[in-house]
N, C-alpha and C. Protein backbone atom coordinates (compact mmCIF):
# COMPACT_ATOMS: atom_id res chain seq x y z
N MET A 1 75.27 62.39 123.56
CA MET A 1 74.74 61.99 122.27
C MET A 1 73.31 62.51 122.14
N ASP A 2 72.99 63.03 121.00
CA ASP A 2 71.67 63.56 120.72
C ASP A 2 70.69 62.40 120.56
N ALA A 3 69.59 62.42 121.29
CA ALA A 3 68.59 61.36 121.23
C ALA A 3 67.85 61.36 119.90
N ASN A 4 68.00 62.40 119.12
CA ASN A 4 67.32 62.53 117.83
C ASN A 4 67.85 61.55 116.79
N TRP A 5 69.00 60.95 117.02
CA TRP A 5 69.60 60.05 116.03
C TRP A 5 68.70 58.86 115.73
N LEU A 6 67.90 58.42 116.70
CA LEU A 6 66.99 57.30 116.46
C LEU A 6 65.95 57.64 115.40
N ASN A 7 65.55 58.91 115.35
CA ASN A 7 64.56 59.33 114.36
C ASN A 7 65.11 59.31 112.94
N THR A 8 66.41 59.41 112.80
CA THR A 8 67.01 59.43 111.46
C THR A 8 67.64 58.10 111.08
N LEU A 9 67.71 57.16 112.01
CA LEU A 9 68.37 55.88 111.75
C LEU A 9 67.77 55.15 110.55
N VAL A 10 66.47 54.92 110.57
CA VAL A 10 65.84 54.16 109.48
C VAL A 10 65.89 54.91 108.15
N PRO A 11 65.53 56.19 108.08
CA PRO A 11 65.61 56.88 106.79
C PRO A 11 67.05 56.92 106.24
N ASP A 12 68.02 57.16 107.09
CA ASP A 12 69.40 57.21 106.63
C ASP A 12 69.89 55.83 106.20
N ALA A 13 69.52 54.81 106.96
CA ALA A 13 69.90 53.44 106.59
C ALA A 13 69.27 53.05 105.26
N MET A 14 68.05 53.46 105.02
CA MET A 14 67.38 53.16 103.75
C MET A 14 68.10 53.85 102.58
N LYS A 15 68.59 55.05 102.80
CA LYS A 15 69.35 55.73 101.75
C LYS A 15 70.63 54.97 101.44
N MET A 16 71.30 54.50 102.48
CA MET A 16 72.54 53.74 102.25
C MET A 16 72.26 52.41 101.56
N VAL A 17 71.13 51.79 101.89
CA VAL A 17 70.73 50.55 101.22
C VAL A 17 70.45 50.82 99.74
N LEU A 18 69.80 51.93 99.43
CA LEU A 18 69.55 52.28 98.03
C LEU A 18 70.86 52.52 97.29
N ALA A 19 71.79 53.24 97.90
CA ALA A 19 73.09 53.47 97.27
C ALA A 19 73.79 52.13 97.01
N TYR A 20 73.72 51.24 97.96
CA TYR A 20 74.30 49.90 97.82
C TYR A 20 73.65 49.16 96.64
N ALA A 21 72.32 49.17 96.61
CA ALA A 21 71.57 48.45 95.57
C ALA A 21 71.87 49.00 94.18
N LEU A 22 72.06 50.29 94.06
CA LEU A 22 72.38 50.88 92.75
C LEU A 22 73.78 50.48 92.30
N ALA A 23 74.68 50.24 93.24
CA ALA A 23 76.07 49.96 92.91
C ALA A 23 76.35 48.49 92.59
N VAL A 24 75.60 47.59 93.18
CA VAL A 24 75.89 46.16 93.02
C VAL A 24 75.86 45.70 91.55
N PRO A 25 74.86 46.07 90.75
CA PRO A 25 74.87 45.61 89.36
C PRO A 25 76.10 46.10 88.57
N ILE A 26 76.54 47.31 88.84
CA ILE A 26 77.72 47.84 88.15
C ILE A 26 78.97 47.10 88.63
N GLY A 27 79.07 46.88 89.92
CA GLY A 27 80.19 46.11 90.46
C GLY A 27 80.21 44.69 89.92
N TRP A 28 79.04 44.10 89.79
CA TRP A 28 78.94 42.74 89.24
C TRP A 28 79.40 42.72 87.78
N ASP A 29 78.99 43.73 87.03
CA ASP A 29 79.43 43.83 85.64
C ASP A 29 80.95 43.90 85.53
N ARG A 30 81.55 44.72 86.34
CA ARG A 30 83.01 44.88 86.33
C ARG A 30 83.70 43.58 86.78
N GLU A 31 83.09 42.92 87.75
CA GLU A 31 83.65 41.65 88.26
C GLU A 31 83.62 40.59 87.16
N LYS A 32 82.51 40.50 86.44
CA LYS A 32 82.41 39.52 85.34
C LYS A 32 83.45 39.77 84.26
N GLU A 33 83.78 41.04 84.06
CA GLU A 33 84.79 41.40 83.06
C GLU A 33 86.20 41.29 83.61
N GLU A 34 86.32 40.79 84.85
CA GLU A 34 87.60 40.61 85.52
C GLU A 34 88.41 41.92 85.59
N ARG A 35 87.74 42.98 86.00
CA ARG A 35 88.37 44.28 86.15
C ARG A 35 88.99 44.41 87.54
N THR A 36 89.77 45.47 87.72
CA THR A 36 90.50 45.65 88.97
C THR A 36 89.58 46.00 90.14
N ALA A 37 88.44 46.57 89.87
CA ALA A 37 87.46 46.89 90.91
C ALA A 37 86.16 46.21 90.52
N GLY A 38 85.44 45.72 91.52
CA GLY A 38 84.24 44.98 91.17
C GLY A 38 83.16 45.00 92.22
N VAL A 39 82.64 43.82 92.51
CA VAL A 39 81.44 43.68 93.31
C VAL A 39 81.61 44.15 94.76
N ARG A 40 82.81 44.24 95.25
CA ARG A 40 83.02 44.78 96.59
C ARG A 40 83.30 46.28 96.57
N THR A 41 84.10 46.72 95.61
CA THR A 41 84.52 48.12 95.56
C THR A 41 83.35 49.06 95.30
N PHE A 42 82.53 48.76 94.32
CA PHE A 42 81.47 49.68 93.92
C PHE A 42 80.46 49.95 95.04
N PRO A 43 79.93 48.93 95.72
CA PRO A 43 79.01 49.23 96.82
C PRO A 43 79.67 50.01 97.96
N ILE A 44 80.94 49.72 98.24
CA ILE A 44 81.62 50.45 99.32
C ILE A 44 81.74 51.92 98.96
N VAL A 45 82.12 52.21 97.72
CA VAL A 45 82.25 53.60 97.28
C VAL A 45 80.89 54.30 97.35
N ALA A 46 79.84 53.64 96.90
CA ALA A 46 78.50 54.25 96.90
C ALA A 46 78.01 54.52 98.31
N VAL A 47 78.14 53.54 99.20
CA VAL A 47 77.65 53.70 100.56
C VAL A 47 78.47 54.74 101.32
N ALA A 48 79.79 54.73 101.12
CA ALA A 48 80.63 55.73 101.79
C ALA A 48 80.31 57.14 101.30
N SER A 49 80.09 57.29 100.01
CA SER A 49 79.74 58.61 99.46
C SER A 49 78.40 59.06 100.02
N CYS A 50 77.45 58.15 100.08
CA CYS A 50 76.14 58.46 100.65
C CYS A 50 76.29 58.84 102.12
N GLY A 51 77.07 58.07 102.85
CA GLY A 51 77.28 58.35 104.27
C GLY A 51 77.91 59.70 104.50
N LEU A 52 78.89 60.05 103.69
CA LEU A 52 79.53 61.36 103.85
C LEU A 52 78.54 62.48 103.57
N ALA A 53 77.71 62.31 102.55
CA ALA A 53 76.69 63.32 102.27
C ALA A 53 75.71 63.44 103.43
N LEU A 54 75.33 62.30 104.01
CA LEU A 54 74.41 62.33 105.15
C LEU A 54 75.03 63.01 106.36
N VAL A 55 76.28 62.71 106.63
CA VAL A 55 76.97 63.35 107.75
C VAL A 55 77.02 64.86 107.52
N GLY A 56 77.40 65.26 106.32
CA GLY A 56 77.53 66.68 106.01
C GLY A 56 76.23 67.45 106.13
N THR A 57 75.14 66.81 105.73
CA THR A 57 73.85 67.51 105.79
C THR A 57 73.26 67.50 107.19
N SER A 58 73.78 66.65 108.09
CA SER A 58 73.22 66.60 109.44
C SER A 58 73.97 67.48 110.43
N ILE A 59 75.03 68.11 110.00
CA ILE A 59 75.78 69.01 110.87
C ILE A 59 74.94 70.26 111.10
N PRO A 60 74.69 70.61 112.36
CA PRO A 60 73.89 71.81 112.63
C PRO A 60 74.49 73.05 111.95
N GLY A 61 73.63 73.79 111.29
CA GLY A 61 74.07 75.01 110.63
C GLY A 61 74.73 74.79 109.28
N SER A 62 74.76 73.53 108.81
CA SER A 62 75.39 73.29 107.50
C SER A 62 74.48 73.84 106.41
N GLY A 63 75.09 74.32 105.39
CA GLY A 63 74.34 74.90 104.29
C GLY A 63 75.01 74.59 102.97
N PRO A 64 74.76 75.43 101.97
CA PRO A 64 75.32 75.19 100.64
C PRO A 64 76.86 75.12 100.63
N ASP A 65 77.51 75.92 101.46
CA ASP A 65 78.98 75.88 101.49
C ASP A 65 79.48 74.53 101.97
N ALA A 66 78.83 73.98 102.99
CA ALA A 66 79.23 72.67 103.50
C ALA A 66 79.00 71.59 102.45
N SER A 67 77.87 71.66 101.78
CA SER A 67 77.57 70.68 100.72
C SER A 67 78.59 70.77 99.60
N SER A 68 78.97 71.97 99.25
CA SER A 68 79.97 72.17 98.21
C SER A 68 81.31 71.55 98.60
N ARG A 69 81.71 71.75 99.84
CA ARG A 69 82.98 71.18 100.30
C ARG A 69 82.92 69.65 100.34
N ILE A 70 81.78 69.12 100.71
CA ILE A 70 81.62 67.66 100.71
C ILE A 70 81.79 67.12 99.30
N LEU A 71 81.12 67.74 98.35
CA LEU A 71 81.23 67.29 96.96
C LEU A 71 82.65 67.44 96.43
N GLN A 72 83.33 68.51 96.78
CA GLN A 72 84.72 68.69 96.34
C GLN A 72 85.61 67.58 96.89
N GLY A 73 85.43 67.25 98.15
CA GLY A 73 86.21 66.18 98.75
C GLY A 73 85.89 64.83 98.15
N LEU A 74 84.61 64.59 97.87
CA LEU A 74 84.22 63.33 97.25
C LEU A 74 84.83 63.17 95.87
N VAL A 75 84.78 64.21 95.07
CA VAL A 75 85.35 64.14 93.73
C VAL A 75 86.83 63.80 93.80
N THR A 76 87.54 64.41 94.72
CA THR A 76 88.97 64.13 94.88
C THR A 76 89.20 62.70 95.36
N GLY A 77 88.49 62.30 96.39
CA GLY A 77 88.67 60.96 96.95
C GLY A 77 88.30 59.86 95.99
N ILE A 78 87.17 60.01 95.32
CA ILE A 78 86.74 59.01 94.36
C ILE A 78 87.71 58.96 93.18
N GLY A 79 88.21 60.11 92.78
CA GLY A 79 89.22 60.14 91.71
C GLY A 79 90.46 59.35 92.08
N PHE A 80 90.84 59.43 93.34
CA PHE A 80 92.00 58.67 93.82
C PHE A 80 91.73 57.17 93.73
N VAL A 81 90.55 56.75 94.18
CA VAL A 81 90.19 55.32 94.10
C VAL A 81 90.13 54.87 92.65
N GLY A 82 89.50 55.68 91.81
CA GLY A 82 89.41 55.34 90.39
C GLY A 82 90.77 55.28 89.73
N GLY A 83 91.66 56.17 90.12
CA GLY A 83 93.01 56.16 89.57
C GLY A 83 93.72 54.84 89.85
N GLY A 84 93.40 54.22 90.96
CA GLY A 84 93.98 52.93 91.29
C GLY A 84 93.50 51.81 90.38
N ALA A 85 92.39 52.04 89.70
CA ALA A 85 91.84 51.02 88.80
C ALA A 85 92.46 51.08 87.41
N ILE A 86 93.19 52.15 87.13
CA ILE A 86 93.78 52.33 85.80
C ILE A 86 95.16 51.68 85.78
N LEU A 87 95.36 50.83 84.81
CA LEU A 87 96.63 50.12 84.66
C LEU A 87 97.30 50.51 83.35
N ARG A 88 98.60 50.61 83.40
CA ARG A 88 99.36 50.91 82.19
C ARG A 88 100.27 49.72 81.92
N ASP A 89 100.20 49.20 80.71
CA ASP A 89 100.95 48.01 80.37
C ASP A 89 101.48 48.13 78.94
N ARG A 90 102.77 48.24 78.80
CA ARG A 90 103.43 48.30 77.48
C ARG A 90 102.79 49.33 76.54
N GLY A 91 102.66 50.53 77.01
CA GLY A 91 102.14 51.60 76.16
C GLY A 91 100.63 51.61 76.03
N SER A 92 99.95 50.70 76.68
CA SER A 92 98.50 50.60 76.60
C SER A 92 97.91 50.91 77.98
N VAL A 93 96.76 51.56 77.98
CA VAL A 93 96.10 51.93 79.24
C VAL A 93 94.80 51.15 79.34
N HIS A 94 94.57 50.54 80.50
CA HIS A 94 93.36 49.76 80.76
C HIS A 94 92.72 50.25 82.05
N GLY A 95 91.41 50.11 82.12
CA GLY A 95 90.72 50.42 83.37
C GLY A 95 90.06 51.78 83.42
N THR A 96 90.10 52.52 82.33
CA THR A 96 89.50 53.85 82.38
C THR A 96 87.98 53.79 82.52
N ALA A 97 87.35 52.80 81.91
CA ALA A 97 85.89 52.67 82.06
C ALA A 97 85.54 52.30 83.50
N THR A 98 86.35 51.45 84.11
CA THR A 98 86.12 51.09 85.50
C THR A 98 86.32 52.31 86.40
N ALA A 99 87.37 53.07 86.13
CA ALA A 99 87.63 54.29 86.91
C ALA A 99 86.47 55.28 86.77
N ALA A 100 85.99 55.46 85.55
CA ALA A 100 84.87 56.37 85.33
C ALA A 100 83.61 55.85 86.02
N SER A 101 83.44 54.54 86.04
CA SER A 101 82.28 53.94 86.70
C SER A 101 82.34 54.12 88.21
N ILE A 102 83.54 54.02 88.77
CA ILE A 102 83.72 54.26 90.20
C ILE A 102 83.33 55.71 90.52
N TRP A 103 83.79 56.62 89.69
CA TRP A 103 83.48 58.03 89.89
C TRP A 103 81.97 58.25 89.80
N SER A 104 81.34 57.64 88.80
CA SER A 104 79.91 57.79 88.60
C SER A 104 79.11 57.24 89.78
N ILE A 105 79.48 56.06 90.26
CA ILE A 105 78.70 55.46 91.36
C ILE A 105 78.95 56.20 92.66
N GLY A 106 80.12 56.80 92.82
CA GLY A 106 80.36 57.63 94.00
C GLY A 106 79.46 58.85 94.00
N ILE A 107 79.30 59.46 92.85
CA ILE A 107 78.41 60.62 92.73
C ILE A 107 76.95 60.17 92.93
N ALA A 108 76.60 59.00 92.43
CA ALA A 108 75.25 58.48 92.63
C ALA A 108 74.99 58.27 94.13
N GLY A 109 75.97 57.72 94.84
CA GLY A 109 75.83 57.55 96.29
C GLY A 109 75.63 58.87 97.00
N ALA A 110 76.40 59.87 96.59
CA ALA A 110 76.24 61.20 97.19
C ALA A 110 74.87 61.77 96.87
N ALA A 111 74.40 61.55 95.65
CA ALA A 111 73.08 62.05 95.27
C ALA A 111 72.00 61.44 96.16
N VAL A 112 72.11 60.15 96.45
CA VAL A 112 71.16 59.51 97.37
C VAL A 112 71.24 60.19 98.74
N GLY A 113 72.46 60.40 99.22
CA GLY A 113 72.64 61.04 100.52
C GLY A 113 72.02 62.43 100.59
N PHE A 114 72.08 63.15 99.48
CA PHE A 114 71.49 64.48 99.43
C PHE A 114 70.00 64.45 99.09
N GLY A 115 69.44 63.24 98.91
CA GLY A 115 68.01 63.10 98.61
C GLY A 115 67.65 63.31 97.16
N MET A 116 68.62 63.28 96.28
CA MET A 116 68.36 63.47 94.85
C MET A 116 68.33 62.10 94.16
N TYR A 117 67.31 61.33 94.48
CA TYR A 117 67.20 59.94 94.04
C TYR A 117 67.16 59.82 92.52
N HIS A 118 66.47 60.73 91.88
CA HIS A 118 66.34 60.67 90.42
C HIS A 118 67.71 60.76 89.75
N ILE A 119 68.58 61.60 90.26
CA ILE A 119 69.93 61.73 89.70
C ILE A 119 70.71 60.44 89.94
N ALA A 120 70.61 59.88 91.14
CA ALA A 120 71.32 58.64 91.46
C ALA A 120 70.88 57.50 90.56
N ILE A 121 69.59 57.37 90.37
CA ILE A 121 69.06 56.28 89.56
C ILE A 121 69.49 56.43 88.10
N VAL A 122 69.39 57.63 87.57
CA VAL A 122 69.80 57.86 86.18
C VAL A 122 71.30 57.59 86.01
N LEU A 123 72.12 58.07 86.94
CA LEU A 123 73.57 57.81 86.85
C LEU A 123 73.87 56.31 86.84
N ALA A 124 73.24 55.58 87.75
CA ALA A 124 73.49 54.14 87.84
C ALA A 124 73.03 53.42 86.58
N VAL A 125 71.85 53.76 86.10
CA VAL A 125 71.31 53.09 84.91
C VAL A 125 72.15 53.42 83.68
N VAL A 126 72.48 54.69 83.50
CA VAL A 126 73.29 55.08 82.33
C VAL A 126 74.67 54.43 82.39
N THR A 127 75.26 54.37 83.56
CA THR A 127 76.58 53.74 83.70
C THR A 127 76.50 52.26 83.33
N LEU A 128 75.53 51.55 83.89
CA LEU A 128 75.41 50.12 83.61
C LEU A 128 75.10 49.87 82.13
N LEU A 129 74.18 50.64 81.57
CA LEU A 129 73.84 50.46 80.15
C LEU A 129 75.04 50.76 79.24
N THR A 130 75.78 51.78 79.59
CA THR A 130 76.96 52.12 78.78
C THR A 130 77.98 50.99 78.82
N LEU A 131 78.22 50.45 80.00
CA LEU A 131 79.18 49.35 80.12
C LEU A 131 78.72 48.12 79.35
N ARG A 132 77.45 47.81 79.41
CA ARG A 132 76.93 46.60 78.76
C ARG A 132 76.69 46.79 77.27
N LEU A 133 75.98 47.85 76.91
CA LEU A 133 75.55 47.99 75.51
C LEU A 133 76.67 48.44 74.57
N LEU A 134 77.65 49.15 75.08
CA LEU A 134 78.72 49.63 74.21
C LEU A 134 79.92 48.70 74.18
N GLN A 135 79.92 47.64 74.99
CA GLN A 135 81.02 46.68 74.98
C GLN A 135 81.21 46.03 73.61
N PRO A 136 80.14 45.60 72.92
CA PRO A 136 80.34 45.03 71.57
C PRO A 136 80.94 46.04 70.59
N LEU A 137 80.56 47.30 70.71
CA LEU A 137 81.12 48.33 69.84
C LEU A 137 82.61 48.49 70.10
N LYS A 138 83.00 48.49 71.36
CA LYS A 138 84.41 48.60 71.71
C LYS A 138 85.19 47.42 71.12
N LYS A 139 84.63 46.22 71.27
CA LYS A 139 85.29 45.02 70.74
C LYS A 139 85.45 45.13 69.23
N GLU A 140 84.41 45.61 68.55
CA GLU A 140 84.46 45.76 67.10
C GLU A 140 85.55 46.75 66.69
N ILE A 141 85.68 47.84 67.40
CA ILE A 141 86.71 48.84 67.10
C ILE A 141 88.09 48.24 67.30
N TRP A 142 88.30 47.52 68.42
CA TRP A 142 89.60 46.90 68.68
C TRP A 142 89.93 45.85 67.63
N ASP A 143 88.93 45.05 67.23
CA ASP A 143 89.17 44.03 66.20
C ASP A 143 89.55 44.67 64.87
N HIS A 144 88.88 45.78 64.57
CA HIS A 144 89.20 46.51 63.33
C HIS A 144 90.62 47.07 63.36
N GLU A 145 91.02 47.61 64.51
CA GLU A 145 92.38 48.18 64.66
C GLU A 145 93.45 47.09 64.53
N GLU A 146 93.18 45.90 65.06
CA GLU A 146 94.15 44.82 65.00
C GLU A 146 94.34 44.32 63.57
N LYS A 147 93.31 44.43 62.74
CA LYS A 147 93.40 43.96 61.35
C LYS A 147 94.19 44.90 60.46
N ARG A 148 94.42 46.11 60.92
CA ARG A 148 95.16 47.09 60.11
C ARG A 148 96.58 46.72 59.97
């Protein structure tokens, strides 16, 4: 084992804590709305995405090709998890916002892992604001459709 791992323990752990902290409010929002994924799923996705990015960047000789492959794998894996949040019931589809939020927070976690904190923070804030601020608009649209 490389003795250098102690030098990266605290900085890497702090990145994973940041990914976790960015994900909890979004997970809490989904949990309050009684969605299929919530306060446990979102932080796990964010921390795992961050961890994978950290592992990929710490491989000796890794470069842009390795980072590209990590992101490709993350997009696929997160898409699979998000797909599990989508439910189909009597011709109606539910859970697409939760699935998109899972995808967004996974990318935010990866951004933290790659040291792109500004991207992670903006993704998390925009995702949370979209879920909260546009919920009344969605309700209004659905109420209008039901009255037709």
